[in-house]
């Protein structure tokens, strides 16, 4: 039926709800690993790069809590994309004959 998303496309839409927060989380984990690998001491430069890597969370909170904020932002962004695709897929299509 035209205008309705197929079953296969609906399963792909659910991936947005999972992959968006997962991408934010993995980005933050890799940033943490990169900073902690600079042991024995973390320089100011490394700390600055760590704060930049944790954006957008460090805009709102300190670096310690930025991972949780980034997860919330990822869930919100994934939910927005999911519902936008659902609404966009339900739009009636006009077929000119």
N, C-alpha and C. Protein backbone atom coordinates (compact mmCIF):
# COMPACT_ATOMS: atom_id res chain seq x y z
N UNK A 1 0.84 -1.16 0.00
CA UNK A 1 0.00 0.00 0.00
C UNK A 1 0.90 1.24 0.00
N UNK A 2 0.71 2.15 -0.95
CA UNK A 2 1.57 3.33 -1.01
C UNK A 2 1.34 4.25 0.17
N UNK A 3 2.41 4.89 0.62
CA UNK A 3 2.31 5.84 1.71
C UNK A 3 2.56 5.24 3.08
N UNK A 4 2.42 3.93 3.21
CA UNK A 4 2.68 3.29 4.49
C UNK A 4 4.06 2.66 4.48
N UNK A 5 4.81 2.78 5.56
CA UNK A 5 6.14 2.18 5.58
C UNK A 5 6.03 0.66 5.61
N UNK A 6 6.92 0.02 4.90
CA UNK A 6 6.89 -1.43 4.89
C UNK A 6 7.35 -1.97 6.23
N UNK A 7 7.12 -3.26 6.44
CA UNK A 7 7.52 -3.88 7.69
C UNK A 7 9.03 -3.81 7.88
N UNK A 8 9.76 -3.94 6.80
CA UNK A 8 11.22 -3.89 6.87
C UNK A 8 11.71 -2.50 7.26
N UNK A 9 11.07 -1.46 6.73
CA UNK A 9 11.45 -0.08 7.08
C UNK A 9 11.12 0.23 8.53
N UNK A 10 10.01 -0.31 9.04
CA UNK A 10 9.67 -0.08 10.44
C UNK A 10 10.71 -0.67 11.37
N UNK A 11 11.27 -1.82 11.01
CA UNK A 11 12.30 -2.41 11.86
C UNK A 11 13.57 -1.57 11.83
N UNK A 12 13.83 -0.91 10.71
CA UNK A 12 14.99 -0.01 10.64
C UNK A 12 14.76 1.25 11.46
N UNK A 13 13.53 1.70 11.56
CA UNK A 13 13.23 2.88 12.36
C UNK A 13 13.55 2.63 13.83
N UNK A 14 13.30 1.42 14.32
CA UNK A 14 13.60 1.09 15.71
C UNK A 14 15.09 1.18 15.99
N UNK A 15 15.90 0.96 14.97
CA UNK A 15 17.35 1.05 15.17
C UNK A 15 17.77 2.46 15.58
N UNK A 16 17.04 3.47 15.14
CA UNK A 16 17.36 4.84 15.54
C UNK A 16 17.26 5.02 17.04
N UNK A 17 16.29 4.35 17.65
CA UNK A 17 16.13 4.47 19.09
C UNK A 17 17.29 3.83 19.84
N UNK A 18 17.93 2.85 19.25
CA UNK A 18 19.03 2.15 19.92
C UNK A 18 20.40 2.66 19.51
N UNK A 19 20.58 2.91 18.22
CA UNK A 19 21.91 3.25 17.73
C UNK A 19 22.35 4.67 18.07
N UNK A 20 21.43 5.60 18.15
CA UNK A 20 21.81 6.98 18.44
C UNK A 20 22.40 7.11 19.85
N UNK A 21 21.73 6.62 20.90
CA UNK A 21 22.36 6.69 22.23
C UNK A 21 23.62 5.83 22.31
N UNK A 22 23.63 4.70 21.62
CA UNK A 22 24.80 3.83 21.64
C UNK A 22 26.00 4.54 21.01
N UNK A 23 25.76 5.29 19.95
CA UNK A 23 26.86 6.03 19.31
C UNK A 23 27.42 7.10 20.26
N UNK A 24 26.55 7.81 20.97
CA UNK A 24 27.03 8.80 21.94
C UNK A 24 27.83 8.11 23.05
N UNK A 25 27.33 6.99 23.54
CA UNK A 25 28.00 6.27 24.62
C UNK A 25 29.37 5.77 24.18
N UNK A 26 29.44 5.15 23.01
CA UNK A 26 30.73 4.64 22.53
C UNK A 26 31.73 5.77 22.29
N UNK A 27 31.25 6.90 21.78
CA UNK A 27 32.12 8.06 21.60
C UNK A 27 32.72 8.49 22.93
N UNK A 28 31.90 8.51 23.98
CA UNK A 28 32.38 8.92 25.30
C UNK A 28 33.33 7.89 25.90
N UNK A 29 33.04 6.62 25.69
CA UNK A 29 33.93 5.58 26.21
C UNK A 29 35.29 5.65 25.53
N UNK A 30 35.30 5.83 24.22
CA UNK A 30 36.58 5.94 23.51
C UNK A 30 37.34 7.19 23.94
N UNK A 31 36.64 8.28 24.21
CA UNK A 31 37.31 9.49 24.69
C UNK A 31 37.93 9.25 26.06
N UNK A 32 37.22 8.53 26.92
CA UNK A 32 37.76 8.22 28.24
C UNK A 32 38.98 7.32 28.13
N UNK A 33 38.92 6.33 27.29
CA UNK A 33 40.06 5.44 27.09
C UNK A 33 41.26 6.22 26.57
N UNK A 34 41.03 7.13 25.64
CA UNK A 34 42.13 7.91 25.07
C UNK A 34 42.78 8.79 26.12
N UNK A 35 41.99 9.39 27.00
CA UNK A 35 42.56 10.25 28.04
C UNK A 35 43.27 9.42 29.10
N UNK A 36 42.68 8.33 29.51
CA UNK A 36 43.30 7.51 30.55
C UNK A 36 44.55 6.79 30.06
N UNK A 37 44.70 6.65 28.75
CA UNK A 37 45.89 6.00 28.24
C UNK A 37 47.10 6.94 28.30
N UNK A 38 46.89 8.20 28.67
CA UNK A 38 47.98 9.16 28.78
C UNK A 38 48.56 9.18 30.18
N UNK A 39 48.43 8.11 30.92
CA UNK A 39 48.98 8.01 32.27
C UNK A 39 50.50 8.09 32.20
N UNK A 40 51.22 8.41 33.21
CA UNK A 40 50.85 8.52 34.61
C UNK A 40 50.17 9.83 34.99
N UNK A 41 50.34 10.89 34.23
CA UNK A 41 49.70 12.15 34.60
C UNK A 41 48.90 12.69 33.43
N UNK A 42 47.76 13.28 33.75
CA UNK A 42 46.93 13.86 32.70
C UNK A 42 47.24 15.35 32.64
N UNK A 43 47.67 15.79 31.50
CA UNK A 43 48.04 17.20 31.34
C UNK A 43 46.78 18.05 31.12
N UNK A 44 46.98 19.36 31.20
CA UNK A 44 45.85 20.26 30.93
C UNK A 44 45.36 20.12 29.51
N UNK A 45 46.28 19.88 28.61
CA UNK A 45 45.93 19.72 27.20
C UNK A 45 45.04 18.49 27.00
N UNK A 46 45.41 17.39 27.64
CA UNK A 46 44.61 16.17 27.53
C UNK A 46 43.24 16.36 28.16
N UNK A 47 43.18 17.09 29.27
CA UNK A 47 41.89 17.36 29.91
C UNK A 47 41.02 18.23 29.01
N UNK A 48 41.62 19.19 28.31
CA UNK A 48 40.86 20.03 27.38
C UNK A 48 40.29 19.18 26.24
N UNK A 49 41.12 18.29 25.68
CA UNK A 49 40.65 17.41 24.60
C UNK A 49 39.54 16.50 25.09
N UNK A 50 39.64 16.06 26.34
CA UNK A 50 38.61 15.20 26.92
C UNK A 50 37.29 15.97 27.02
N UNK A 51 37.34 17.22 27.47
CA UNK A 51 36.13 18.03 27.56
C UNK A 51 35.54 18.28 26.17
N UNK A 52 36.38 18.48 25.19
CA UNK A 52 35.89 18.67 23.82
C UNK A 52 35.26 17.38 23.27
N UNK A 53 35.86 16.24 23.61
CA UNK A 53 35.34 14.97 23.11
C UNK A 53 33.99 14.63 23.73
N UNK A 54 33.72 15.16 24.92
CA UNK A 54 32.45 14.87 25.59
C UNK A 54 31.35 15.88 25.25
N UNK A 55 31.59 16.72 24.27
CA UNK A 55 30.53 17.62 23.84
C UNK A 55 29.38 16.81 23.26
N UNK A 56 28.18 17.14 23.38
CA UNK A 56 27.59 18.35 23.91
C UNK A 56 27.34 18.33 25.41
N UNK A 57 27.63 17.22 26.08
CA UNK A 57 27.34 17.10 27.51
C UNK A 57 28.09 18.08 28.38
N UNK A 58 29.34 18.41 28.02
CA UNK A 58 30.12 19.32 28.86
C UNK A 58 29.64 20.77 28.76
N UNK A 59 28.74 21.05 27.86
CA UNK A 59 28.14 22.39 27.82
C UNK A 59 27.25 22.60 29.05
N UNK A 60 26.60 21.53 29.48
CA UNK A 60 25.61 21.64 30.55
C UNK A 60 26.14 21.24 31.91
N UNK A 61 27.05 20.27 31.98
CA UNK A 61 27.54 19.76 33.27
C UNK A 61 29.05 19.55 33.17
N UNK A 62 29.65 19.14 34.29
CA UNK A 62 31.09 18.86 34.30
C UNK A 62 31.36 17.57 33.54
N UNK A 63 32.64 17.31 33.30
CA UNK A 63 33.01 16.14 32.50
C UNK A 63 32.60 14.83 33.15
N UNK A 64 32.52 14.79 34.46
CA UNK A 64 32.13 13.56 35.15
C UNK A 64 30.71 13.12 34.85
N UNK A 65 29.83 14.07 34.69
CA UNK A 65 28.42 13.78 34.44
C UNK A 65 28.04 13.89 32.97
N UNK A 66 28.98 14.26 32.14
CA UNK A 66 28.67 14.52 30.73
C UNK A 66 28.24 13.26 29.99
N UNK A 67 28.75 12.11 30.39
CA UNK A 67 28.37 10.87 29.70
C UNK A 67 26.88 10.60 29.88
N UNK A 68 26.36 10.81 31.09
CA UNK A 68 24.92 10.61 31.33
C UNK A 68 24.09 11.61 30.54
N UNK A 69 24.54 12.85 30.48
CA UNK A 69 23.81 13.87 29.72
C UNK A 69 23.83 13.52 28.24
N UNK A 70 24.97 13.04 27.75
CA UNK A 70 25.06 12.65 26.34
C UNK A 70 24.13 11.48 26.04
N UNK A 71 23.96 10.57 26.98
CA UNK A 71 23.01 9.47 26.76
C UNK A 71 21.58 10.01 26.67
N UNK A 72 21.25 10.95 27.52
CA UNK A 72 19.90 11.54 27.48
C UNK A 72 19.70 12.28 26.15
N UNK A 73 20.73 13.01 25.71
CA UNK A 73 20.64 13.71 24.42
C UNK A 73 20.51 12.69 23.29
N UNK A 74 21.24 11.57 23.38
CA UNK A 74 21.14 10.54 22.35
C UNK A 74 19.77 9.91 22.30
N UNK A 75 19.18 9.65 23.47
CA UNK A 75 17.82 9.09 23.51
C UNK A 75 16.82 10.09 22.93
N UNK A 76 16.98 11.36 23.29
CA UNK A 76 16.06 12.39 22.78
C UNK A 76 16.21 12.53 21.27
N UNK A 77 17.44 12.55 20.78
CA UNK A 77 17.66 12.69 19.34
C UNK A 77 17.16 11.46 18.59
N UNK A 78 17.43 10.27 19.13
CA UNK A 78 16.93 9.05 18.50
C UNK A 78 15.41 9.01 18.49
N UNK A 79 14.79 9.42 19.59
CA UNK A 79 13.33 9.46 19.63
C UNK A 79 12.75 10.46 18.65
N UNK A 80 13.39 11.63 18.54
CA UNK A 80 12.93 12.63 17.58
C UNK A 80 13.04 12.09 16.17
N UNK A 81 14.16 11.49 15.82
CA UNK A 81 14.33 10.94 14.47
C UNK A 81 13.33 9.82 14.19
N UNK A 82 13.11 8.96 15.20
CA UNK A 82 12.17 7.86 15.05
C UNK A 82 10.76 8.37 14.76
N UNK A 83 10.30 9.31 15.60
CA UNK A 83 8.94 9.82 15.41
C UNK A 83 8.82 10.67 14.15
N UNK A 84 9.88 11.37 13.78
CA UNK A 84 9.85 12.14 12.54
C UNK A 84 9.73 11.21 11.34
N UNK A 85 10.45 10.11 11.35
CA UNK A 85 10.33 9.15 10.26
C UNK A 85 8.97 8.47 10.24
N UNK A 86 8.43 8.20 11.43
CA UNK A 86 7.09 7.59 11.49
C UNK A 86 6.04 8.54 10.91
N UNK A 87 6.12 9.81 11.29
CA UNK A 87 5.14 10.78 10.77
C UNK A 87 5.36 11.03 9.29
N UNK A 88 6.62 11.10 8.86
CA UNK A 88 6.92 11.33 7.46
C UNK A 88 6.45 10.14 6.61
N UNK A 89 6.56 8.93 7.15
CA UNK A 89 6.13 7.74 6.42
C UNK A 89 4.62 7.62 6.32
N UNK A 90 3.90 8.30 7.20
CA UNK A 90 2.43 8.23 7.18
C UNK A 90 1.80 9.29 6.29
N UNK A 91 2.59 10.21 5.79
CA UNK A 91 2.04 11.25 4.93
C UNK A 91 1.40 10.63 3.71
N UNK A 92 0.24 11.06 3.35
CA UNK A 92 -0.36 10.52 2.12
C UNK A 92 0.41 10.99 0.91
N UNK A 93 0.60 10.09 0.00
CA UNK A 93 1.31 10.46 -1.22
C UNK A 93 0.28 10.80 -2.28
N UNK A 94 0.59 11.79 -3.07
CA UNK A 94 -0.33 12.17 -4.14
C UNK A 94 0.20 11.58 -5.44
N UNK A 95 -0.64 10.82 -6.06
CA UNK A 95 -0.29 10.21 -7.33
C UNK A 95 -1.09 10.90 -8.43
N UNK A 96 -0.41 11.53 -9.33
CA UNK A 96 -1.12 12.18 -10.43
C UNK A 96 -1.22 11.19 -11.59
N UNK A 97 -2.42 11.06 -12.09
CA UNK A 97 -2.65 10.11 -13.20
C UNK A 97 -3.20 10.81 -14.38
